[in-house]
C-alpha atoms as a PDB file:
ATOM      1  CA  MET A   1      21.315-158.845 152.444  1.00  0.00           C
ATOM      2  CA  SER A   2      18.470-160.327 150.551  1.00  0.00           C
ATOM      3  CA  ARG A   3      16.331-162.672 152.761  1.00  0.00           C
ATOM      4  CA  MET A   4      16.025-165.132 149.872  1.00  0.00           C
ATOM      5  CA  PHE A   5      19.454-165.124 148.200  1.00  0.00           C
ATOM      6  CA  SER A   6      22.763-166.194 149.509  1.00  0.00           C
ATOM      7  CA  ARG A   7      25.388-163.484 150.031  1.00  0.00           C
ATOM      8  CA  GLN A   8      27.273-164.695 146.949  1.00  0.00           C
ATOM      9  CA  THR A   9      24.167-164.619 144.682  1.00  0.00           C
ATOM     10  CA  ALA A  10      23.130-161.116 145.957  1.00  0.00           C
ATOM     11  CA  THR A  11      26.709-159.929 145.209  1.00  0.00           C
ATOM     12  CA  GLU A  12      26.538-161.254 141.634  1.00  0.00           C
ATOM     13  CA  ILE A  13      23.192-159.502 141.107  1.00  0.00           C
ATOM     14  CA  GLU A  14      24.666-156.197 142.464  1.00  0.00           C
ATOM     15  CA  LYS A  15      27.611-156.478 140.155  1.00  0.00           C
ATOM     16  CA  ALA A  16      25.358-156.956 137.195  1.00  0.00           C
ATOM     17  CA  ALA A  17      23.282-153.953 138.223  1.00  0.00           C
ATOM     18  CA  GLN A  18      26.452-151.818 138.450  1.00  0.00           C
ATOM     19  CA  GLU A  19      27.582-152.926 134.991  1.00  0.00           C
ATOM     20  CA  PHE A  20      24.324-151.808 133.381  1.00  0.00           C
ATOM     21  CA  GLY A  21      23.851-148.666 135.457  1.00  0.00           C
ATOM     22  CA  LEU A  22      21.011-150.118 137.527  1.00  0.00           C
ATOM     23  CA  GLU A  23      20.319-149.585 141.228  1.00  0.00           C
ATOM     24  CA  PRO A  24      21.530-152.800 142.838  1.00  0.00           C
ATOM     25  CA  ALA A  25      18.746-152.862 145.418  1.00  0.00           C
ATOM     26  CA  ALA A  26      16.099-152.368 142.712  1.00  0.00           C
ATOM     27  CA  LEU A  27      17.513-155.167 140.588  1.00  0.00           C
ATOM     28  CA  LEU A  28      17.621-157.414 143.623  1.00  0.00           C
ATOM     29  CA  ALA A  29      13.908-156.657 144.208  1.00  0.00           C
ATOM     30  CA  ILE A  30      12.951-157.782 140.758  1.00  0.00           C
ATOM     31  CA  ALA A  31      15.131-160.830 140.968  1.00  0.00           C
ATOM     32  CA  GLU A  32      13.351-161.904 144.239  1.00  0.00           C
ATOM     33  CA  ILE A  33       9.860-161.422 142.693  1.00  0.00           C
ATOM     34  CA  GLU A  34      10.752-163.213 139.452  1.00  0.00           C
ATOM     35  CA  SER A  35      12.543-166.164 140.973  1.00  0.00           C
ATOM     36  CA  ALA A  36      11.212-166.427 144.533  1.00  0.00           C
ATOM     37  CA  GLY A  37      14.838-166.605 145.476  1.00  0.00           C
ATOM     38  CA  GLN A  38      15.498-169.883 143.613  1.00  0.00           C
ATOM     39  CA  VAL A  39      18.524-169.702 141.411  1.00  0.00           C
ATOM     40  CA  PHE A  40      19.216-173.218 140.233  1.00  0.00           C
ATOM     41  CA  ALA A  41      17.432-176.484 139.918  1.00  0.00           C
ATOM     42  CA  LYS A  42      19.143-179.928 140.090  1.00  0.00           C
ATOM     43  CA  VAL A  43      18.800-181.646 136.786  1.00  0.00           C
ATOM     44  CA  GLU A  44      20.632-184.912 136.456  1.00  0.00           C
ATOM     45  CA  GLY A  45      23.057-183.758 139.046  1.00  0.00           C
ATOM     46  CA  ARG A  46      23.744-180.386 137.280  1.00  0.00           C
ATOM     47  CA  ASN A  47      22.844-176.936 138.579  1.00  0.00           C
ATOM     48  CA  GLU A  48      20.561-175.482 135.823  1.00  0.00           C
ATOM     49  CA  PRO A  49      18.716-172.204 135.570  1.00  0.00           C
ATOM     50  CA  LEU A  50      14.898-172.339 136.147  1.00  0.00           C
ATOM     51  CA  ILE A  51      12.948-172.397 132.904  1.00  0.00           C
ATOM     52  CA  ARG A  52       9.391-172.227 131.572  1.00  0.00           C
ATOM     53  CA  PHE A  53       8.466-173.646 128.237  1.00  0.00           C
ATOM     54  CA  GLU A  54       5.810-171.871 126.196  1.00  0.00           C
ATOM     55  CA  GLY A  55       3.982-174.176 123.840  1.00  0.00           C
ATOM     56  CA  HIS A  56       2.211-171.389 122.003  1.00  0.00           C
ATOM     57  CA  TYR A  57       5.553-169.723 121.177  1.00  0.00           C
ATOM     58  CA  PHE A  58       6.835-173.071 119.896  1.00  0.00           C
ATOM     59  CA  ASP A  59       3.660-173.546 117.783  1.00  0.00           C
ATOM     60  CA  ARG A  60       4.226-170.216 116.091  1.00  0.00           C
ATOM     61  CA  ARG A  61       7.867-171.017 115.183  1.00  0.00           C
ATOM     62  CA  LEU A  62       6.985-174.379 113.496  1.00  0.00           C
ATOM     63  CA  SER A  63       5.193-175.254 110.316  1.00  0.00           C
ATOM     64  CA  GLY A  64       4.202-178.351 108.343  1.00  0.00           C
ATOM     65  CA  ALA A  65       5.270-181.759 109.605  1.00  0.00           C
ATOM     66  CA  ALA A  66       7.238-180.388 112.517  1.00  0.00           C
ATOM     67  CA  ARG A  67       4.162-178.488 113.833  1.00  0.00           C
ATOM     68  CA  ASP A  68       1.949-181.452 113.357  1.00  0.00           C
ATOM     69  CA  ARG A  69       4.395-183.693 115.236  1.00  0.00           C
ATOM     70  CA  ALA A  70       4.821-181.119 118.051  1.00  0.00           C
ATOM     71  CA  ARG A  71       1.024-180.833 118.440  1.00  0.00           C
ATOM     72  CA  ALA A  72       0.510-184.594 118.424  1.00  0.00           C
ATOM     73  CA  GLU A  73       3.118-184.923 121.212  1.00  0.00           C
ATOM     74  CA  GLY A  74       1.477-182.356 123.359  1.00  0.00           C
ATOM     75  CA  LEU A  75       4.417-179.830 122.975  1.00  0.00           C
ATOM     76  CA  ALA A  76       2.679-177.130 120.752  1.00  0.00           C
ATOM     77  CA  SER A  77      -0.638-175.358 120.668  1.00  0.00           C
ATOM     78  CA  PRO A  78      -1.941-172.150 119.179  1.00  0.00           C
ATOM     79  CA  ASN A  79      -3.586-171.397 122.643  1.00  0.00           C
ATOM     80  CA  ALA A  80      -1.379-169.820 125.373  1.00  0.00           C
ATOM     81  CA  GLY A  81      -1.300-172.042 128.443  1.00  0.00           C
ATOM     82  CA  ALA A  82      -2.573-175.121 126.674  1.00  0.00           C
ATOM     83  CA  VAL A  83       0.847-176.906 127.107  1.00  0.00           C
ATOM     84  CA  ALA A  84       1.219-177.243 130.835  1.00  0.00           C
ATOM     85  CA  ASN A  85       4.640-176.999 132.463  1.00  0.00           C
ATOM     86  CA  PRO A  86       5.394-179.603 135.074  1.00  0.00           C
ATOM     87  CA  ARG A  87       5.918-178.406 138.637  1.00  0.00           C
ATOM     88  CA  ALA A  88       9.375-179.990 138.905  1.00  0.00           C
ATOM     89  CA  GLN A  89      12.146-178.359 136.989  1.00  0.00           C
ATOM     90  CA  ALA A  90      13.814-181.599 136.005  1.00  0.00           C
ATOM     91  CA  ALA A  91      10.564-182.463 134.202  1.00  0.00           C
ATOM     92  CA  ARG A  92      10.458-179.131 132.456  1.00  0.00           C
ATOM     93  CA  TRP A  93      14.014-179.787 131.127  1.00  0.00           C
ATOM     94  CA  GLN A  94      12.760-183.087 129.815  1.00  0.00           C
ATOM     95  CA  LEU A  95       9.919-181.367 128.078  1.00  0.00           C
ATOM     96  CA  LEU A  96      12.413-178.813 126.589  1.00  0.00           C
ATOM     97  CA  ASP A  97      14.576-181.772 125.345  1.00  0.00           C
ATOM     98  CA  ARG A  98      11.685-183.327 123.627  1.00  0.00           C
ATOM     99  CA  ALA A  99      10.804-180.125 121.951  1.00  0.00           C
ATOM    100  CA  ALA A 100      14.508-179.490 120.877  1.00  0.00           C
ATOM    101  CA  ALA A 101      14.433-182.907 119.233  1.00  0.00           C
ATOM    102  CA  ILE A 102      11.862-181.604 116.787  1.00  0.00           C
ATOM    103  CA  ASP A 103      13.475-178.032 116.393  1.00  0.00           C
ATOM    104  CA  HIS A 104      16.439-176.970 118.617  1.00  0.00           C
ATOM    105  CA  GLN A 105      16.284-173.238 117.870  1.00  0.00           C
ATOM    106  CA  ALA A 106      12.479-172.956 118.124  1.00  0.00           C
ATOM    107  CA  ALA A 107      12.388-174.866 121.433  1.00  0.00           C
ATOM    108  CA  TYR A 108      15.083-172.683 123.027  1.00  0.00           C
ATOM    109  CA  GLU A 109      13.458-169.427 121.695  1.00  0.00           C
ATOM    110  CA  SER A 110      10.152-170.583 123.252  1.00  0.00           C
ATOM    111  CA  THR A 111      11.693-170.960 126.692  1.00  0.00           C
ATOM    112  CA  SER A 112      12.177-168.279 129.457  1.00  0.00           C
ATOM    113  CA  TRP A 113      15.536-168.576 131.187  1.00  0.00           C
ATOM    114  CA  GLY A 114      16.925-167.916 134.659  1.00  0.00           C
ATOM    115  CA  LEU A 115      16.377-165.283 137.461  1.00  0.00           C
ATOM    116  CA  GLY A 116      14.644-162.822 135.224  1.00  0.00           C
ATOM    117  CA  GLN A 117      12.742-165.429 133.094  1.00  0.00           C
ATOM    118  CA  VAL A 118      13.962-163.800 129.861  1.00  0.00           C
ATOM    119  CA  MET A 119      12.559-165.397 126.736  1.00  0.00           C
ATOM    120  CA  GLY A 120      14.951-166.987 124.387  1.00  0.00           C
ATOM    121  CA  ALA A 121      13.180-165.373 121.485  1.00  0.00           C
ATOM    122  CA  HIS A 122      14.807-162.052 122.444  1.00  0.00           C
ATOM    123  CA  TRP A 123      18.331-163.210 121.588  1.00  0.00           C
ATOM    124  CA  GLN A 124      18.843-161.012 118.620  1.00  0.00           C
ATOM    125  CA  TRP A 125      17.168-157.935 120.194  1.00  0.00           C
ATOM    126  CA  LEU A 126      19.432-158.360 123.142  1.00  0.00           C
ATOM    127  CA  GLY A 127      22.579-158.480 120.985  1.00  0.00           C
ATOM    128  CA  PHE A 128      23.429-162.204 121.120  1.00  0.00           C
ATOM    129  CA  ASN A 129      24.776-163.983 118.021  1.00  0.00           C
ATOM    130  CA  ASP A 130      22.157-166.689 118.388  1.00  0.00           C
ATOM    131  CA  VAL A 131      19.814-168.233 120.855  1.00  0.00           C
ATOM    132  CA  ASP A 132      22.450-170.643 122.101  1.00  0.00           C
ATOM    133  CA  ALA A 133      24.601-167.704 123.168  1.00  0.00           C
ATOM    134  CA  LEU A 134      21.782-166.376 125.237  1.00  0.00           C
ATOM    135  CA  VAL A 135      21.237-169.839 126.803  1.00  0.00           C
ATOM    136  CA  THR A 136      24.933-170.216 127.502  1.00  0.00           C
ATOM    137  CA  GLU A 137      24.804-166.909 129.421  1.00  0.00           C
ATOM    138  CA  ALA A 138      21.846-168.169 131.440  1.00  0.00           C
ATOM    139  CA  ARG A 139      23.523-171.517 132.134  1.00  0.00           C
ATOM    140  CA  SER A 140      26.875-169.894 133.176  1.00  0.00           C
ATOM    141  CA  GLY A 141      25.738-169.348 136.703  1.00  0.00           C
ATOM    142  CA  ALA A 142      24.044-166.683 138.932  1.00  0.00           C
ATOM    143  CA  ALA A 143      26.233-164.008 137.446  1.00  0.00           C
ATOM    144  CA  GLY A 144      25.149-164.816 133.933  1.00  0.00           C
ATOM    145  CA  GLN A 145      21.498-164.984 134.855  1.00  0.00           C
ATOM    146  CA  ALA A 146      21.746-161.561 136.546  1.00  0.00           C
ATOM    147  CA  ARG A 147      23.427-160.071 133.536  1.00  0.00           C
ATOM    148  CA  LEU A 148      20.761-161.359 131.143  1.00  0.00           C
ATOM    149  CA  MET A 149      17.997-159.837 133.346  1.00  0.00           C
ATOM    150  CA  ALA A 150      19.908-156.559 133.568  1.00  0.00           C
ATOM    151  CA  ARG A 151      20.479-156.550 129.830  1.00  0.00           C
ATOM    152  CA  TYR A 152      16.812-156.995 129.169  1.00  0.00           C
ATOM    153  CA  LEU A 153      15.844-154.069 131.514  1.00  0.00           C
ATOM    154  CA  ASP A 154      18.476-151.860 129.838  1.00  0.00           C
ATOM    155  CA  LYS A 155      17.265-152.763 126.362  1.00  0.00           C
ATOM    156  CA  ALA A 156      13.675-152.305 127.248  1.00  0.00           C
ATOM    157  CA  GLY A 157      14.313-148.826 128.332  1.00  0.00           C
ATOM    158  CA  LEU A 158      13.330-149.488 131.951  1.00  0.00           C
ATOM    159  CA  THR A 159      16.528-148.073 133.518  1.00  0.00           C
ATOM    160  CA  GLY A 160      15.006-144.717 134.429  1.00  0.00           C
ATOM    161  CA  ALA A 161      11.784-146.258 135.810  1.00  0.00           C
ATOM    162  CA  LEU A 162      13.735-148.776 137.856  1.00  0.00           C
ATOM    163  CA  ASN A 163      16.213-146.308 139.303  1.00  0.00           C
ATOM    164  CA  GLY A 164      13.356-143.809 139.915  1.00  0.00           C
ATOM    165  CA  HIS A 165      11.261-146.507 141.649  1.00  0.00           C
ATOM    166  CA  ASP A 166       8.350-146.077 139.278  1.00  0.00           C
ATOM    167  CA  TRP A 167       7.101-149.624 140.034  1.00  0.00           C
ATOM    168  CA  GLU A 168       4.008-149.288 137.904  1.00  0.00           C
ATOM    169  CA  ALA A 169       6.093-148.452 134.865  1.00  0.00           C
ATOM    170  CA  VAL A 170       8.476-151.250 135.670  1.00  0.00           C
ATOM    171  CA  GLY A 171       5.667-153.712 136.206  1.00  0.00           C
ATOM    172  CA  HIS A 172       4.010-152.825 132.831  1.00  0.00           C
ATOM    173  CA  GLY A 173       7.366-153.046 131.033  1.00  0.00           C
ATOM    174  CA  TYR A 174       8.613-156.306 132.534  1.00  0.00           C
ATOM    175  CA  ASN A 175       5.454-158.116 133.592  1.00  0.00           C
ATOM    176  CA  GLY A 176       3.119-156.962 130.827  1.00  0.00           C
ATOM    177  CA  PRO A 177      -0.063-154.916 130.745  1.00  0.00           C
ATOM    178  CA  GLY A 178      -1.871-157.206 133.252  1.00  0.00           C
ATOM    179  CA  PHE A 179       0.678-156.505 136.082  1.00  0.00           C
ATOM    180  CA  ARG A 180      -2.036-155.032 138.379  1.00  0.00           C
ATOM    181  CA  LYS A 181      -3.997-158.148 138.477  1.00  0.00           C
ATOM    182  CA  ASN A 182      -1.334-159.967 140.589  1.00  0.00           C
ATOM    183  CA  GLY A 183      -0.091-156.836 142.304  1.00  0.00           C
ATOM    184  CA  TYR A 184       3.249-157.091 140.633  1.00  0.00           C
ATOM    185  CA  HIS A 185       4.043-153.401 141.242  1.00  0.00           C
ATOM    186  CA  LEU A 186       3.172-153.708 144.977  1.00  0.00           C
ATOM    187  CA  LYS A 187       5.342-156.758 145.420  1.00  0.00           C
ATOM    188  CA  LEU A 188       8.231-154.994 143.740  1.00  0.00           C
ATOM    189  CA  SER A 189       7.907-152.020 146.137  1.00  0.00           C
ATOM    190  CA  GLU A 190       7.768-154.295 149.206  1.00  0.00           C
ATOM    191  CA  ALA A 191      10.784-156.331 147.844  1.00  0.00           C
ATOM    192  CA  TYR A 192      12.736-153.111 147.391  1.00  0.00           C
ATOM    193  CA  THR A 193      12.048-151.896 150.897  1.00  0.00           C
ATOM    194  CA  ARG A 194      13.242-155.223 152.292  1.00  0.00           C
ATOM    195  CA  GLN A 195      16.703-154.656 150.711  1.00  0.00           C
ATOM    196  CA  PHE A 196      17.199-151.740 153.222  1.00  0.00           C
ATOM    197  CA  ASP A 197      15.106-152.842 156.181  1.00  0.00           C
ATOM    198  CA  GLY A 198      16.406-156.399 156.147  1.00  0.00           C
ATOM    199  CA  PRO A 199      14.339-159.296 157.170  1.00  0.00           C
ATOM    200  CA  ALA A 200      11.770-158.794 159.932  1.00  0.00           C
ATOM    201  CA  PRO A 201      12.604-160.551 163.204  1.00  0.00           C
ATOM    202  CA  GLY A 202      12.170-164.346 162.718  1.00  0.00           C
ATOM    203  CA  ASP A 203      12.439-164.094 158.983  1.00  0.00           C
ATOM    204  CA  ARG A 204      15.597-166.191 158.948  1.00  0.00           C
ATOM    205  CA  THR A 205      13.538-169.049 160.440  1.00  0.00           C
ATOM    206  CA  MET A 206      12.602-171.516 157.746  1.00  0.00           C
ATOM    207  CA  THR A 207       9.436-173.462 157.811  1.00  0.00           C
ATOM    208  CA  VAL A 208       6.814-175.024 155.524  1.00  0.00           C
ATOM    209  CA  GLY A 209       6.088-172.486 152.762  1.00  0.00           C
ATOM    210  CA  SER A 210       9.552-170.878 152.806  1.00  0.00           C
ATOM    211  CA  ARG A 211      11.266-170.793 149.416  1.00  0.00           C
ATOM    212  CA  GLY A 212      14.539-169.669 147.957  1.00  0.00           C
ATOM    213  CA  GLU A 213      18.276-170.285 147.678  1.00  0.00           C
ATOM    214  CA  LEU A 214      18.685-170.364 151.450  1.00  0.00           C
ATOM    215  CA  VAL A 215      16.234-173.258 151.684  1.00  0.00           C
ATOM    216  CA  THR A 216      18.161-175.074 149.009  1.00  0.00           C
ATOM    217  CA  GLU A 217      21.320-174.696 151.124  1.00  0.00           C
ATOM    218  CA  LEU A 218      19.543-175.994 154.214  1.00  0.00           C
ATOM    219  CA  GLN A 219      18.362-178.969 152.124  1.00  0.00           C
ATOM    220  CA  GLU A 220      21.791-179.722 150.809  1.00  0.00           C
ATOM    221  CA  ALA A 221      23.316-179.519 154.338  1.00  0.00           C
ATOM    222  CA  LEU A 222      20.701-181.967 155.604  1.00  0.00           C
ATOM    223  CA  VAL A 223      21.355-184.369 152.693  1.00  0.00           C
ATOM    224  CA  ALA A 224      25.087-184.197 153.451  1.00  0.00           C
ATOM    225  CA  LEU A 225      24.235-185.222 156.982  1.00  0.00           C
ATOM    226  CA  GLY A 226      22.198-188.220 155.855  1.00  0.00           C
ATOM    227  CA  TYR A 227      18.740-186.897 155.710  1.00  0.00           C
ATOM    228  CA  PRO A 228      17.613-187.406 152.064  1.00  0.00           C
ATOM    229  CA  MET A 229      15.153-185.032 150.314  1.00  0.00           C
ATOM    230  CA  ASP A 230      14.705-182.987 147.165  1.00  0.00           C
ATOM    231  CA  THR A 231      16.955-180.003 147.008  1.00  0.00           C
ATOM    232  CA  ASP A 232      14.434-177.928 145.228  1.00  0.00           C
ATOM    233  CA  GLY A 233      14.422-174.681 147.329  1.00  0.00           C
ATOM    234  CA  ILE A 234      10.912-175.329 148.522  1.00  0.00           C
ATOM    235  CA  TYR A 235      10.366-176.048 152.222  1.00  0.00           C
ATOM    236  CA  GLY A 236       7.653-178.770 151.916  1.00  0.00           C
ATOM    237  CA  PRO A 237       6.497-181.684 153.999  1.00  0.00           C
ATOM    238  CA  GLY A 238       9.561-183.716 152.951  1.00  0.00           C
ATOM    239  CA  THR A 239      11.960-180.992 154.157  1.00  0.00           C
ATOM    240  CA  ALA A 240       9.972-180.561 157.428  1.00  0.00           C
ATOM    241  CA  THR A 241      10.114-184.355 158.050  1.00  0.00           C
ATOM    242  CA  ALA A 242      13.911-184.327 157.538  1.00  0.00           C
ATOM    243  CA  VAL A 243      14.344-181.351 159.980  1.00  0.00           C
ATOM    244  CA  LYS A 244      12.227-183.161 162.542  1.00  0.00           C
ATOM    245  CA  ARG A 245      14.411-186.263 162.205  1.00  0.00           C
ATOM    246  CA  PHE A 246      17.563-184.140 162.607  1.00  0.00           C
ATOM    247  CA  GLN A 247      16.101-182.330 165.554  1.00  0.00           C
ATOM    248  CA  ALA A 248      15.065-185.687 167.227  1.00  0.00           C
ATOM    249  CA  ASP A 249      18.538-187.156 166.649  1.00  0.00           C
ATOM    250  CA  HIS A 250      20.201-184.040 168.303  1.00  0.00           C
ATOM    251  CA  GLY A 251      18.098-183.454 171.322  1.00  0.00           C
ATOM    252  CA  LEU A 252      16.074-180.541 169.936  1.00  0.00           C
ATOM    253  CA  ALA A 253      12.340-180.019 169.959  1.00  0.00           C
ATOM    254  CA  ALA A 254      11.070-181.926 166.804  1.00  0.00           C
ATOM    255  CA  ASP A 255       8.862-179.293 165.442  1.00  0.00           C
ATOM    256  CA  GLY A 256      10.074-179.363 161.833  1.00  0.00           C
ATOM    257  CA  ILE A 257      11.003-175.637 161.904  1.00  0.00           C
ATOM    258  CA  ALA A 258      14.549-174.605 161.074  1.00  0.00           C
ATOM    259  CA  GLY A 259      15.040-171.836 163.627  1.00  0.00           C
ATOM    260  CA  GLU A 260      18.179-170.392 165.074  1.00  0.00           C
ATOM    261  CA  ARG A 261      19.012-173.395 167.354  1.00  0.00           C
ATOM    262  CA  THR A 262      18.404-175.940 164.621  1.00  0.00           C
ATOM    263  CA  GLN A 263      20.572-173.935 162.201  1.00  0.00           C
ATOM    264  CA  ALA A 264      23.256-173.772 164.712  1.00  0.00           C
ATOM    265  CA  ALA A 265      23.116-177.559 165.279  1.00  0.00           C
ATOM    266  CA  ILE A 266      23.366-178.158 161.674  1.00  0.00           C
ATOM    267  CA  ALA A 267      26.350-175.889 161.285  1.00  0.00           C
ATOM    268  CA  SER A 268      27.917-177.809 164.141  1.00  0.00           C
ATOM    269  CA  ALA A 269      27.189-181.160 162.654  1.00  0.00           C
ATOM    270  CA  LEU A 270      28.431-180.472 159.163  1.00  0.00           C
ATOM    271  CA  PRO A 271      31.949-181.855 158.466  1.00  0.00           C
ATOM    272  CA  PHE A 272      34.708-179.308 158.042  1.00  0.00           C
ATOM    273  CA  SER A 273      37.783-180.202 156.063  1.00  0.00           C
ATOM    274  CA  GLY A 274      38.908-176.821 154.859  1.00  0.00           C
ATOM    275  CA  SER A 275      37.505-177.177 151.385  1.00  0.00           C
ATOM    276  CA  GLY A 276      34.536-178.533 149.576  1.00  0.00           C
ATOM    277  CA  MET A 277      30.878-177.771 149.363  1.00  0.00           C
ATOM    278  CA  TRP A 278      29.910-178.899 152.889  1.00  0.00           C
ATOM    279  CA  SER A 279      32.751-176.938 154.482  1.00  0.00           C
ATOM    280  CA  LYS A 280      31.470-173.817 152.745  1.00  0.00           C
ATOM    281  CA  LEU A 281      27.910-174.607 153.904  1.00  0.00           C
ATOM    282  CA  LYS A 282      29.280-174.885 157.481  1.00  0.00           C
ATOM    283  CA  VAL A 283      30.757-171.482 157.241  1.00  0.00           C
ATOM    284  CA  TRP A 284      27.577-170.129 155.621  1.00  0.00           C
ATOM    285  CA  PHE A 285      25.402-171.515 158.352  1.00  0.00           C
ATOM    286  CA  ALA A 286      27.678-170.328 161.163  1.00  0.00           C
ATOM    287  CA  GLY A 287      27.425-166.798 159.542  1.00  0.00           C
ATOM    288  CA  LEU A 288      23.778-166.965 159.178  1.00  0.00           C
ATOM    289  CA  VAL A 289      23.148-167.915 162.757  1.00  0.00           C
ATOM    290  CA  GLY A 290      25.627-165.125 163.830  1.00  0.00           C
ATOM    291  CA  ARG A 291      23.621-162.495 161.944  1.00  0.00           C
ATOM    292  CA  ALA A 292      20.355-163.626 163.315  1.00  0.00           C
END
């Protein structure tokens, strides 16, 4: 199983791979690199796909008064990177909403969506009726995000390279000509190997710097137990503080590291009523600890 995704998300990615004739482990590898294991962001209580708004794309799609307004509001620029994306996904969605108030289609086309960070501008090329149909797919859940990523790889003619493990070709086709600068092809190769080797000993321990869907589930479990924090999938100081508080309250060494004993204690403390999110989390944590 992926060390970043839950079993359910990994299964959805594998199904999308099979639908498009892609090797499941290879698609999981790209999904890990593109998303750092984070599938959703909480936006006003909703699970939404991760997005990135590109102000230079937006600028190209506007003209006249609309472009002037967007530039004046700091939403558009002819220069790539001039419009900064906030770190928090909720703030990015607010940025997108402001852009959509000027031109809905242009704003959604200027945004990359979901696990594979597929640009909305590709909607027609990818066979959607309009950009809203592409966005609906991305917002439909992990399965929709995975299908969108697989559809892009298929349409871009990268199936052979992906299934043949030609990571340089995949890196060039998916990440762009500058893929070597950030070692994209090397990261892909390492992520692919992990799908078979599994996490190294201790990899299921979560600590400051850990990221991904499993961190989100840890955060949601702690929130359910009365330890508030952001459920953003990033194990930062706030999460470490909450873990320390939980550990101190349950007679554990308060080191802020969610190792096997801490995860087992969280599983034991979670309420179980036979249904509901927290019951599912209890089952998940118990299974995680059992596999460690």
